[in-house]
Amino acid sequence: MKRVLLYLSIMLFCQLASFGQSSPTDTLFTINNTAYSSQEFSKLYQDNILARRNNLSIEEALDLYILFHLKLREAKRTRIDTLPEVKNELQINKDIALNAFLYPTIVTEEKIQEAFKRIQYFLKARHILVKTNKRSTPQDTLAAFKEAQDIYQDLLKGKSFEKIARHQSDDQSVKANHGELGYFTAFDMDYKFESAAYKLKIGEFSPPIRTQFGYHIIQILEKIPNPGKIKIRYILLEYQAGNKSRPKHKIDSLYSLLIKGADFAQLARKHSTDKRSAQSGGILPWFGLFETHPKIEKIAFQLKEINEISKPIETEFGYHILQLIDKKDYSSLDHCRKEIQQLIARDNRSKISTAQLISKIKKDYQFKENKELLSNFHSILDYAYADLWDPLFTIDGEKYTQEDFADYLGQQASKDIYENFIEYINRIYDNFSNNSILAFYKKKLLETNNDLVNLIRNYENRIFVSYITKQNILLPAKNDSTSLFEFFQNQRNRYNENSNFESIKKQVASDYKKYLKETWENQLRKNYKIEISQSTLNKIVQH
């Protein structure tokens, strides 16, 4: 099920799902004597959400709103929440909601200023990677760090970067590029990598930098100004097999028309062989340096005035003419502040790390640890005969005992359990305590944060309605070929009498889906008793 459910639930039905919680004086409608408050619908209507999205009258908007609740009740009546795929979808959405509250987006002025300074330039860099991954043990990580440190020292002593990269870098592309990464600017790389790179001078090496991929040693080769981004229209005439002269004559002819004032968009729609951009009059998305064909890029950035047109350009694809539509640079923070804020919000630099979150939870909820008791687990004999009831740690007064850890330990398996038992126990304990602290905090949020509870409930309701709709409309229309053909036979007067079923099957399926939808929704209205308070509806209109 597509994640689009999440956004629909926020945008369209962000306040649904309070059964029987409204005041009788504020009841907008009832379904089988269950009252529904006017509050949620009124907000949607007054904010113009339903009407704007669907161009609906208030009566039509209310009908859509009631239909949603009818489908929701039907989904709950038929226990759709017991289906394995629905359970899985519910858990995924619950985790997404929880993570949004655990790791809120924080865009600070410091991060804005930092990104603004960095985005002024492109860096050209190369690196050597010593790989680690999520399953790396502390010993693996330490070995990788020591290897990276040795490489760094060799580079400082003057050894060849290319030679070391070819023989020791874990970057799979090193054979082709000798460790070179090309040009990048702010937001193109992992934030830790970016931060290290922008601190370096040209030619300088970084000490090992840890990212999710492992340890990197970075060297900056070049630093150039960032000219910003541009938006263009273009006309492309692709080469024809065995005849390059024909598109050349045609592109010259089109250029002459453009110089005389012909409409660029119209010519692009009519003549460009790039059919995707031709539909929009040749418009391409915004792009910056190193994002498109070098020849196109070079000429495009030479255009200075809006609507300026380039001379025909030849590439390996054919002939092109460009027209500048818009441009933006990063010379002023006032001009690009909003864009930078949006980039930061989408990037991991706007989120606190799990380690920072755990540290905050420990501080806020009086975390107390008796880590010396962990010695009971440092040998198998101690572990077998120890009294395990004392708590290893408490958080907000809640105890997590040695017995709890013993149960967790019994569920683990590791290749290094017999290699260094004490280190193994310490690592598993760190996982146990961190997971327990996060689980404690998630439970706390679900108990105390109404916004989170409402968001999860709304996710659930959208999922229920989506799956019940799928069962009653989408799957029958897709899978029941017998009923689809019967519908075609019964509705032949809708279609050209010379058409056979196979030739118009897509159209028949679309019509059948509409028929199933209308039939099901009408049946729902019959199955449930609906009463609308006209006086309450009038108050909403008059508000």
Protein backbone atom coordinates (compact mmCIF):
# COMPACT_ATOMS: atom_id res chain seq x y z
CA MET A 1 0.00 0.00 0.00
CA LYS A 2 1.49 3.30 -1.04
CA ARG A 3 2.71 5.73 1.60
CA VAL A 4 0.41 8.31 -0.01
CA LEU A 5 -2.12 7.24 2.64
CA LEU A 6 -0.14 9.16 5.19
CA TYR A 7 -0.39 12.43 3.36
CA LEU A 8 -4.05 11.97 2.46
CA SER A 9 -4.88 11.32 6.09
CA ILE A 10 -3.28 14.60 7.11
CA MET A 11 -4.53 16.72 4.22
CA LEU A 12 -8.07 15.48 3.84
CA PHE A 13 -9.31 13.76 6.97
CA CYS A 14 -6.87 15.00 9.55
CA GLN A 15 -9.44 15.15 12.33
CA LEU A 16 -11.60 12.09 11.72
CA ALA A 17 -12.51 9.22 13.95
CA SER A 18 -14.07 10.36 17.20
CA PHE A 19 -16.99 7.99 17.64
CA GLY A 20 -19.62 9.00 20.18
CA GLN A 21 -17.46 11.67 21.80
CA SER A 22 -19.38 14.76 20.74
CA SER A 23 -21.85 16.85 22.68
CA PRO A 24 -25.51 16.17 21.68
CA THR A 25 -25.99 19.91 21.04
CA ASP A 26 -23.11 19.84 18.56
CA THR A 27 -24.20 16.75 16.63
CA LEU A 28 -24.04 17.14 12.87
CA PHE A 29 -25.28 13.66 12.01
CA THR A 30 -25.80 10.20 13.50
CA ILE A 31 -25.10 6.75 12.08
CA ASN A 32 -27.17 4.07 13.80
CA ASN A 33 -27.69 6.52 16.69
CA THR A 34 -23.94 7.16 17.14
CA ALA A 35 -23.43 10.91 17.20
CA TYR A 36 -20.76 12.69 15.13
CA SER A 37 -19.71 16.19 16.13
CA SER A 38 -19.75 19.08 13.69
CA GLN A 39 -16.28 20.14 14.84
CA GLU A 40 -14.17 18.03 12.45
CA PHE A 41 -16.35 18.60 9.39
CA SER A 42 -16.71 22.30 10.15
CA LYS A 43 -12.95 22.75 10.30
CA LEU A 44 -12.46 20.93 7.00
CA TYR A 45 -15.19 22.98 5.36
CA GLN A 46 -14.24 26.36 6.86
CA ASP A 47 -10.61 25.79 5.90
CA ASN A 48 -11.92 25.09 2.39
CA ILE A 49 -10.08 21.74 2.25
CA LEU A 50 -12.92 19.60 0.92
CA ALA A 51 -14.41 22.25 -1.35
CA ARG A 52 -11.06 23.35 -2.79
CA ARG A 53 -9.88 19.82 -3.56
CA ASN A 54 -13.11 18.65 -5.11
CA ASN A 55 -15.10 21.80 -5.99
CA LEU A 56 -17.97 20.59 -3.81
CA SER A 57 -21.01 22.25 -2.29
CA ILE A 58 -21.40 21.85 1.47
CA GLU A 59 -24.03 19.13 0.95
CA GLU A 60 -21.71 17.23 -1.41
CA ALA A 61 -18.80 17.66 1.00
CA LEU A 62 -20.92 16.34 3.87
CA ASP A 63 -22.01 13.36 1.78
CA LEU A 64 -18.35 12.52 1.08
CA TYR A 65 -17.54 12.90 4.78
CA ILE A 66 -20.43 10.63 5.83
CA LEU A 67 -19.46 8.07 3.18
CA PHE A 68 -15.98 7.92 4.66
CA HIS A 69 -17.45 7.10 8.06
CA LEU A 70 -19.84 4.52 6.59
CA LYS A 71 -16.91 2.74 4.97
CA LEU A 72 -14.95 3.00 8.20
CA ARG A 73 -17.79 1.42 10.19
CA GLU A 74 -18.15 -1.33 7.60
CA ALA A 75 -14.40 -2.01 7.77
CA LYS A 76 -14.58 -2.35 11.55
CA ARG A 77 -17.73 -4.48 11.37
CA THR A 78 -16.03 -6.92 9.00
CA ARG A 79 -12.85 -6.97 11.18
CA ILE A 80 -10.61 -5.88 8.36
CA ASP A 81 -7.95 -5.13 10.96
CA THR A 82 -7.40 -8.89 11.39
CA LEU A 83 -5.99 -9.30 7.84
CA PRO A 84 -2.21 -9.86 7.90
CA GLU A 85 -1.53 -7.22 5.23
CA VAL A 86 -3.63 -4.66 7.15
CA LYS A 87 -1.83 -5.47 10.41
CA ASN A 88 1.49 -4.95 8.64
CA GLU A 89 0.35 -1.65 7.14
CA LEU A 90 -0.90 -0.44 10.51
CA GLN A 91 2.43 -1.20 12.16
CA ILE A 92 4.40 0.53 9.39
CA ASN A 93 2.28 3.65 9.71
CA LYS A 94 2.46 3.59 13.50
CA ASP A 95 6.27 3.45 13.31
CA ILE A 96 6.33 6.33 10.83
CA ALA A 97 4.12 8.43 13.12
CA LEU A 98 6.24 7.61 16.17
CA ASN A 99 9.46 8.47 14.35
CA ALA A 100 8.02 11.83 13.34
CA PHE A 101 7.57 12.62 17.04
CA LEU A 102 10.80 10.96 18.19
CA TYR A 103 12.93 12.78 15.63
CA PRO A 104 11.23 16.11 14.89
CA THR A 105 12.64 18.33 12.16
CA ILE A 106 14.65 21.20 13.64
CA VAL A 107 15.89 23.95 11.31
CA THR A 108 18.15 26.34 13.21
CA GLU A 109 19.57 29.67 12.08
CA GLU A 110 23.05 28.22 12.63
CA LYS A 111 22.35 25.42 10.14
CA ILE A 112 20.88 27.91 7.63
CA GLN A 113 23.96 30.12 7.80
CA GLU A 114 26.27 27.11 7.54
CA ALA A 115 24.49 25.74 4.46
CA PHE A 116 24.39 29.19 2.83
CA LYS A 117 28.16 29.56 3.14
CA ARG A 118 28.79 26.08 1.77
CA ILE A 119 26.37 26.29 -1.15
CA GLN A 120 28.40 29.21 -2.56
CA TYR A 121 30.94 26.69 -3.87
CA PHE A 122 31.36 23.34 -5.57
CA LEU A 123 34.13 21.09 -4.30
CA LYS A 124 35.91 18.47 -6.36
CA ALA A 125 37.19 15.71 -4.11
CA ARG A 126 38.50 12.18 -3.97
CA HIS A 127 38.38 9.72 -1.11
CA ILE A 128 39.56 6.39 0.21
CA LEU A 129 36.92 4.31 2.00
CA VAL A 130 37.43 1.68 4.68
CA LYS A 131 34.04 0.06 4.90
CA THR A 132 31.91 -0.73 7.96
CA ASN A 133 28.23 -1.60 8.23
CA LYS A 134 25.41 -1.86 10.76
CA ARG A 135 26.39 -5.42 11.65
CA SER A 136 30.02 -4.55 12.36
CA THR A 137 31.14 -5.52 15.86
CA PRO A 138 33.16 -3.09 18.00
CA GLN A 139 36.25 -5.09 17.06
CA ASP A 140 35.40 -4.76 13.35
CA THR A 141 34.89 -1.01 13.73
CA LEU A 142 38.12 -0.56 15.66
CA ALA A 143 40.06 -2.55 13.04
CA ALA A 144 38.55 -0.39 10.27
CA PHE A 145 39.49 2.80 12.15
CA LYS A 146 43.07 1.61 12.66
CA GLU A 147 43.35 0.75 8.96
CA ALA A 148 42.03 4.20 8.02
CA GLN A 149 44.48 5.85 10.43
CA ASP A 150 47.38 3.93 8.87
CA ILE A 151 46.29 5.05 5.39
CA TYR A 152 46.04 8.66 6.58
CA GLN A 153 49.58 8.53 7.98
CA ASP A 154 50.89 7.03 4.72
CA LEU A 155 49.30 9.89 2.77
CA LEU A 156 50.88 12.46 5.08
CA LYS A 157 54.24 10.79 4.38
CA GLY A 158 53.74 11.42 0.66
CA LYS A 159 52.59 8.04 -0.61
CA SER A 160 50.51 8.04 -3.81
CA PHE A 161 46.80 8.62 -3.23
CA GLU A 162 45.85 6.85 -6.46
CA LYS A 163 47.97 3.82 -5.65
CA ILE A 164 46.57 3.50 -2.11
CA ALA A 165 43.01 4.02 -3.43
CA ARG A 166 43.40 1.29 -6.04
CA HIS A 167 44.76 -1.26 -3.56
CA GLN A 168 43.04 -0.42 -0.28
CA SER A 169 39.81 1.55 -0.86
CA ASP A 170 36.56 -0.38 -0.44
CA ASP A 171 34.75 1.96 -2.84
CA GLN A 172 33.76 -0.33 -5.72
CA SER A 173 34.15 2.46 -8.30
CA VAL A 174 37.80 3.08 -7.47
CA LYS A 175 39.16 1.14 -10.45
CA ALA A 176 37.38 3.49 -12.83
CA ASN A 177 37.80 6.81 -11.02
CA HIS A 178 40.84 6.35 -8.68
CA GLY A 179 38.68 7.55 -5.80
CA GLU A 180 37.49 10.75 -7.49
CA LEU A 181 33.92 11.77 -6.61
CA GLY A 182 33.49 14.64 -9.07
CA TYR A 183 31.96 17.95 -8.01
CA PHE A 184 29.44 18.41 -5.20
CA THR A 185 27.97 21.16 -3.08
CA ALA A 186 25.92 21.37 0.11
CA PHE A 187 23.24 18.64 0.47
CA ASP A 188 24.82 16.39 -2.19
CA MET A 189 26.75 14.21 0.29
CA ASP A 190 26.33 12.68 3.73
CA TYR A 191 26.32 15.58 6.20
CA LYS A 192 29.39 14.37 8.11
CA PHE A 193 31.29 13.90 4.84
CA GLU A 194 30.19 17.35 3.64
CA SER A 195 31.22 19.01 6.93
CA ALA A 196 34.67 17.46 6.81
CA ALA A 197 35.18 18.36 3.14
CA TYR A 198 34.25 22.03 3.52
CA LYS A 199 36.80 22.45 6.34
CA LEU A 200 39.69 21.38 4.09
CA LYS A 201 41.95 23.51 1.95
CA ILE A 202 42.81 22.46 -1.60
CA GLY A 203 45.25 19.55 -1.53
CA GLU A 204 44.71 18.87 2.17
CA PHE A 205 43.78 15.42 3.54
CA SER A 206 41.15 14.88 6.22
CA PRO A 207 41.75 12.48 9.10
CA PRO A 208 39.39 9.46 8.98
CA ILE A 209 35.75 10.61 8.96
CA ARG A 210 33.03 8.17 10.07
CA THR A 211 29.75 7.98 8.10
CA GLN A 212 27.16 5.24 7.71
CA PHE A 213 29.39 3.71 5.02
CA GLY A 214 32.60 3.52 7.03
CA TYR A 215 35.74 5.66 7.41
CA HIS A 216 36.72 8.12 4.68
CA ILE A 217 39.96 10.00 4.05
CA ILE A 218 39.06 12.97 1.86
CA GLN A 219 41.24 15.18 -0.31
CA ILE A 220 39.98 18.38 -1.96
CA LEU A 221 41.21 18.84 -5.53
CA GLU A 222 39.35 21.98 -6.60
CA LYS A 223 36.93 24.65 -5.35
CA ILE A 224 34.81 26.68 -7.79
CA PRO A 225 31.96 29.21 -7.41
CA ASN A 226 28.40 27.92 -7.64
CA PRO A 227 26.55 29.97 -10.29
CA GLY A 228 23.16 28.81 -9.00
CA LYS A 229 20.38 27.13 -10.97
CA ILE A 230 18.60 27.90 -14.20
CA LYS A 231 15.41 26.90 -15.96
CA ILE A 232 15.23 26.63 -19.74
CA ARG A 233 13.08 25.60 -22.65
CA TYR A 234 14.71 23.63 -25.40
CA ILE A 235 14.06 22.13 -28.80
CA LEU A 236 15.77 18.87 -29.69
CA LEU A 237 16.06 17.45 -33.19
CA GLU A 238 17.56 13.98 -32.93
CA TYR A 239 19.81 12.58 -35.60
CA GLN A 240 18.18 10.46 -38.25
CA ALA A 241 19.86 7.20 -39.23
CA GLY A 242 22.43 7.91 -41.92
CA ASN A 243 21.35 11.53 -42.40
CA LYS A 244 22.72 14.26 -40.12
CA SER A 245 22.19 17.03 -42.63
CA ARG A 246 18.40 16.98 -42.53
CA PRO A 247 18.00 17.87 -38.82
CA LYS A 248 20.82 20.45 -39.25
CA HIS A 249 18.86 22.24 -41.98
CA LYS A 250 15.68 22.08 -39.93
CA ILE A 251 17.28 23.39 -36.72
CA ASP A 252 18.76 26.32 -38.64
CA SER A 253 15.33 27.04 -40.09
CA LEU A 254 13.72 26.96 -36.62
CA TYR A 255 16.45 29.25 -35.24
CA SER A 256 15.72 31.77 -38.01
CA LEU A 257 12.02 31.73 -37.09
CA LEU A 258 12.84 32.25 -33.40
CA ILE A 259 15.14 35.22 -34.18
CA LYS A 260 12.24 36.76 -36.11
CA GLY A 261 9.97 36.44 -33.06
CA ALA A 262 8.28 33.05 -33.42
CA ASP A 263 6.85 31.55 -30.22
CA PHE A 264 9.44 29.16 -28.75
CA ALA A 265 6.90 27.04 -26.87
CA GLN A 266 4.75 26.49 -29.96
CA LEU A 267 7.75 25.44 -32.06
CA ALA A 268 8.90 23.09 -29.31
CA ARG A 269 5.48 21.43 -29.12
CA LYS A 270 5.36 20.99 -32.87
CA HIS A 271 8.94 20.07 -33.76
CA SER A 272 10.95 18.86 -30.74
CA THR A 273 11.69 15.12 -30.79
CA ASP A 274 11.88 15.08 -26.98
CA LYS A 275 8.18 14.29 -26.59
CA ARG A 276 8.17 14.52 -22.80
CA SER A 277 9.35 18.14 -22.65
CA ALA A 278 7.57 19.06 -25.89
CA GLN A 279 4.21 18.68 -24.15
CA SER A 280 5.12 21.58 -21.84
CA GLY A 281 6.56 23.74 -24.61
CA GLY A 282 10.09 22.40 -24.12
CA ILE A 283 10.39 23.26 -20.42
CA LEU A 284 13.06 21.36 -18.45
CA PRO A 285 13.29 21.15 -14.63
CA TRP A 286 15.63 23.51 -12.76
CA PHE A 287 19.25 22.37 -12.94
CA GLY A 288 22.68 23.47 -11.75
CA LEU A 289 26.23 22.63 -12.68
CA PHE A 290 27.13 18.99 -13.26
CA GLU A 291 23.49 17.90 -13.56
CA THR A 292 23.02 17.67 -17.33
CA HIS A 293 25.01 17.38 -20.56
CA PRO A 294 28.20 19.48 -20.26
CA LYS A 295 27.68 21.20 -23.62
CA ILE A 296 24.05 22.09 -22.83
CA GLU A 297 25.10 23.25 -19.38
CA LYS A 298 27.90 25.47 -20.67
CA ILE A 299 25.72 27.29 -23.20
CA ALA A 300 22.75 27.52 -20.83
CA PHE A 301 24.78 29.29 -18.14
CA GLN A 302 26.11 31.74 -20.75
CA LEU A 303 22.57 33.01 -21.37
CA LYS A 304 22.18 36.22 -19.37
CA GLU A 305 18.77 37.69 -20.16
CA ILE A 306 15.37 36.07 -19.60
CA ASN A 307 13.97 34.75 -22.93
CA GLU A 308 17.44 34.93 -24.53
CA ILE A 309 17.88 32.21 -27.17
CA SER A 310 21.04 30.26 -27.91
CA LYS A 311 22.38 29.40 -31.34
CA PRO A 312 21.92 25.74 -32.35
CA ILE A 313 24.13 23.35 -30.34
CA GLU A 314 25.29 19.94 -31.55
CA THR A 315 25.72 16.99 -29.17
CA GLU A 316 25.89 13.24 -29.72
CA PHE A 317 22.08 13.18 -29.47
CA GLY A 318 21.33 15.77 -32.13
CA TYR A 319 20.80 19.52 -32.36
CA HIS A 320 19.43 21.74 -29.60
CA ILE A 321 18.22 25.32 -29.19
CA LEU A 322 17.87 26.72 -25.68
CA GLN A 323 15.83 29.58 -24.23
CA LEU A 324 16.44 30.96 -20.74
CA ILE A 325 13.20 31.13 -18.70
CA ASP A 326 14.44 31.85 -15.18
CA LYS A 327 17.57 31.84 -13.05
CA LYS A 328 18.46 31.98 -9.37
CA ASP A 329 21.75 32.34 -7.54
CA TYR A 330 22.93 32.05 -3.97
CA SER A 331 24.50 35.48 -3.62
CA SER A 332 21.90 36.66 -1.09
CA LEU A 333 20.53 34.65 1.81
CA ASP A 334 17.30 36.65 1.65
CA HIS A 335 16.69 35.30 -1.88
CA CYS A 336 17.43 31.65 -1.10
CA ARG A 337 16.52 31.31 2.59
CA LYS A 338 13.27 29.44 1.92
CA GLU A 339 14.96 26.95 -0.43
CA ILE A 340 17.76 26.30 2.08
CA GLN A 341 15.24 25.81 4.90
CA GLN A 342 13.41 23.22 2.78
CA LEU A 343 16.66 21.44 1.91
CA ILE A 344 17.68 21.29 5.57
CA ALA A 345 14.23 19.99 6.57
CA ARG A 346 14.58 17.09 4.11
CA ASP A 347 18.14 16.28 5.19
CA ASN A 348 19.35 14.28 8.18
CA ARG A 349 21.17 17.37 9.52
CA SER A 350 17.77 18.61 10.77
CA LYS A 351 17.24 15.51 12.94
CA ILE A 352 18.77 14.65 16.28
CA SER A 353 20.63 11.35 16.33
CA THR A 354 19.39 8.30 18.21
CA ALA A 355 22.29 8.72 20.64
CA GLN A 356 21.25 12.34 21.31
CA LEU A 357 17.63 11.28 21.78
CA ILE A 358 18.55 8.53 24.26
CA SER A 359 20.76 10.95 26.18
CA LYS A 360 17.86 13.41 26.41
CA ILE A 361 15.41 10.73 27.58
CA LYS A 362 17.87 9.61 30.27
CA LYS A 363 18.16 13.18 31.53
CA ASP A 364 14.41 13.94 31.41
CA TYR A 365 13.30 10.70 33.10
CA GLN A 366 15.88 10.20 35.88
CA PHE A 367 17.81 7.29 34.39
CA LYS A 368 19.82 5.45 37.08
CA GLU A 369 22.19 2.61 36.27
CA ASN A 370 23.79 -0.17 38.32
CA LYS A 371 26.18 -1.29 35.64
CA GLU A 372 28.47 -3.07 38.12
CA LEU A 373 25.81 -5.81 38.26
CA LEU A 374 26.65 -6.61 34.65
CA SER A 375 29.68 -8.48 35.99
CA ASN A 376 27.24 -11.30 36.86
CA PHE A 377 27.07 -11.98 33.11
CA HIS A 378 30.80 -11.84 32.40
CA SER A 379 31.20 -15.55 32.87
CA ILE A 380 28.78 -18.30 32.08
CA LEU A 381 29.06 -19.75 35.62
CA ASP A 382 28.33 -16.40 37.30
CA TYR A 383 25.39 -15.95 34.95
CA ALA A 384 23.98 -19.41 35.78
CA TYR A 385 24.05 -19.05 39.59
CA ALA A 386 23.60 -15.30 40.20
CA ASP A 387 20.55 -13.73 41.82
CA LEU A 388 19.15 -11.76 38.89
CA TRP A 389 16.32 -9.78 40.50
CA ASP A 390 18.18 -6.54 41.19
CA PRO A 391 17.69 -3.83 38.56
CA LEU A 392 20.45 -3.05 36.08
CA PHE A 393 18.84 0.34 35.57
CA THR A 394 15.67 2.31 36.27
CA ILE A 395 14.00 5.03 34.24
CA ASP A 396 11.19 7.13 35.67
CA GLY A 397 11.10 4.62 38.52
CA GLU A 398 10.50 1.66 36.18
CA LYS A 399 12.90 -1.22 36.87
CA TYR A 400 14.78 -3.24 34.23
CA THR A 401 16.22 -6.23 36.04
CA GLN A 402 19.04 -8.61 35.35
CA GLU A 403 16.35 -11.19 34.65
CA ASP A 404 15.01 -8.95 31.86
CA PHE A 405 18.49 -8.71 30.40
CA ALA A 406 18.98 -12.48 30.74
CA ASP A 407 15.80 -13.05 28.69
CA TYR A 408 17.02 -10.56 26.05
CA LEU A 409 20.47 -12.17 26.03
CA GLY A 410 18.95 -15.60 25.44
CA GLN A 411 17.35 -14.34 22.22
CA GLN A 412 20.64 -13.11 20.73
CA ALA A 413 23.11 -14.91 18.51
CA SER A 414 26.54 -13.67 17.49
CA LYS A 415 29.58 -15.02 15.73
CA ASP A 416 31.90 -13.52 18.36
CA ILE A 417 30.19 -14.89 21.48
CA TYR A 418 33.16 -17.14 22.25
CA GLU A 419 35.87 -14.77 21.01
CA ASN A 420 35.62 -12.10 23.72
CA PHE A 421 32.73 -12.87 26.04
CA ILE A 422 32.95 -9.72 28.19
CA GLU A 423 32.95 -7.39 25.17
CA TYR A 424 30.08 -9.38 23.71
CA ILE A 425 28.00 -9.00 26.91
CA ASN A 426 28.75 -5.27 27.10
CA ARG A 427 27.68 -4.75 23.50
CA ILE A 428 24.45 -6.71 23.96
CA TYR A 429 23.73 -4.78 27.15
CA ASP A 430 24.12 -1.46 25.32
CA ASN A 431 21.61 -2.67 22.73
CA PHE A 432 19.25 -3.87 25.47
CA SER A 433 19.37 -0.61 27.44
CA ASN A 434 19.03 1.60 24.35
CA ASN A 435 16.12 -0.43 22.97
CA SER A 436 14.43 -0.46 26.39
CA ILE A 437 14.80 3.31 26.79
CA LEU A 438 13.33 3.95 23.33
CA ALA A 439 10.47 1.51 23.97
CA PHE A 440 9.77 3.25 27.30
CA TYR A 441 9.65 6.65 25.62
CA LYS A 442 7.42 5.45 22.77
CA LYS A 443 4.99 4.05 25.32
CA LYS A 444 5.11 7.36 27.19
CA LEU A 445 4.33 9.29 24.02
CA LEU A 446 1.38 7.04 23.21
CA GLU A 447 0.01 7.57 26.73
CA THR A 448 0.47 11.32 26.94
CA ASN A 449 0.65 12.91 23.48
CA ASN A 450 -2.85 13.44 22.07
CA ASP A 451 -1.52 14.75 18.75
CA LEU A 452 0.39 11.51 18.19
CA VAL A 453 -2.57 9.34 19.25
CA ASN A 454 -4.89 11.23 16.90
CA LEU A 455 -2.41 11.00 14.03
CA ILE A 456 -2.06 7.22 14.45
CA ARG A 457 -5.84 6.83 14.71
CA ASN A 458 -6.29 8.82 11.52
CA TYR A 459 -3.68 6.69 9.75
CA GLU A 460 -5.59 3.60 10.90
CA ASN A 461 -8.90 4.93 9.64
CA ARG A 462 -7.52 5.79 6.22
CA ILE A 463 -5.98 2.31 5.97
CA PHE A 464 -9.26 0.64 7.00
CA VAL A 465 -11.21 2.62 4.40
CA SER A 466 -8.60 1.99 1.73
CA TYR A 467 -8.64 -1.80 2.26
CA ILE A 468 -12.43 -2.11 2.48
CA THR A 469 -12.65 -0.12 -0.76
CA LYS A 470 -10.06 -2.39 -2.31
CA GLN A 471 -12.06 -5.47 -1.33
CA ASN A 472 -15.37 -4.18 -2.66
CA ILE A 473 -14.29 -2.30 -5.78
CA LEU A 474 -10.68 -2.59 -6.92
CA LEU A 475 -10.12 -6.36 -6.56
CA PRO A 476 -13.45 -7.45 -8.11
CA ALA A 477 -12.92 -5.08 -11.01
CA LYS A 478 -9.41 -6.43 -11.54
CA ASN A 479 -9.76 -10.16 -10.84
CA ASP A 480 -13.36 -11.20 -11.51
CA SER A 481 -13.20 -11.62 -15.29
CA THR A 482 -16.52 -13.51 -15.41
CA SER A 483 -18.46 -10.69 -13.78
CA LEU A 484 -16.61 -8.15 -15.92
CA PHE A 485 -17.71 -9.94 -19.11
CA GLU A 486 -21.30 -10.23 -17.80
CA PHE A 487 -21.27 -6.47 -17.17
CA PHE A 488 -20.12 -5.94 -20.76
CA GLN A 489 -22.90 -8.17 -22.09
CA ASN A 490 -25.53 -6.36 -20.03
CA GLN A 491 -24.24 -2.93 -21.02
CA ARG A 492 -23.51 -3.48 -24.71
CA ASN A 493 -25.61 -0.47 -25.64
CA ARG A 494 -22.92 1.73 -24.02
CA TYR A 495 -20.33 0.67 -26.55
CA ASN A 496 -19.89 0.63 -30.30
CA GLU A 497 -21.82 -2.37 -31.60
CA ASN A 498 -18.80 -3.42 -33.70
CA SER A 499 -16.44 -3.44 -30.70
CA ASN A 500 -15.40 -6.76 -29.25
CA PHE A 501 -14.77 -7.25 -25.54
CA GLU A 502 -10.98 -7.63 -25.73
CA SER A 503 -10.48 -4.45 -27.76
CA ILE A 504 -12.28 -2.25 -25.20
CA LYS A 505 -11.52 -4.24 -22.05
CA LYS A 506 -9.81 -1.29 -20.29
CA GLN A 507 -12.81 0.96 -20.86
CA VAL A 508 -15.20 -1.77 -19.70
CA ALA A 509 -13.11 -2.32 -16.56
CA SER A 510 -13.21 1.40 -15.80
CA ASP A 511 -16.99 1.50 -16.23
CA TYR A 512 -17.39 -1.64 -14.14
CA LYS A 513 -15.34 -0.09 -11.34
CA LYS A 514 -17.64 2.96 -11.33
CA TYR A 515 -20.65 0.66 -11.27
CA LEU A 516 -19.27 -1.33 -8.32
CA LYS A 517 -18.50 1.87 -6.44
CA GLU A 518 -21.96 3.33 -6.94
CA THR A 519 -23.67 0.03 -6.06
CA TRP A 520 -21.61 -0.50 -2.90
CA GLU A 521 -21.98 3.06 -1.64
CA ASN A 522 -25.77 2.98 -2.19
CA GLN A 523 -25.95 -0.31 -0.30
CA LEU A 524 -24.01 1.20 2.60
CA ARG A 525 -26.49 4.07 2.79
CA LYS A 526 -29.33 1.53 3.00
CA ASN A 527 -27.61 -0.64 5.60
CA TYR A 528 -27.02 2.20 8.07
CA LYS A 529 -29.51 4.65 9.49
CA ILE A 530 -28.27 8.19 8.83
CA GLU A 531 -29.84 11.33 10.31
CA ILE A 532 -28.47 14.80 9.52
CA SER A 533 -29.07 17.88 11.70
CA GLN A 534 -30.02 20.57 9.22
CA SER A 535 -29.83 23.27 11.89
CA THR A 536 -26.23 22.37 12.72
CA LEU A 537 -25.36 22.28 9.01
CA ASN A 538 -26.89 25.75 8.58
CA LYS A 539 -24.70 27.09 11.41
CA ILE A 540 -21.61 25.86 9.55
CA VAL A 541 -22.74 27.63 6.35
CA GLN A 542 -23.44 30.86 8.23
CA HIS A 543 -20.17 30.81 10.20
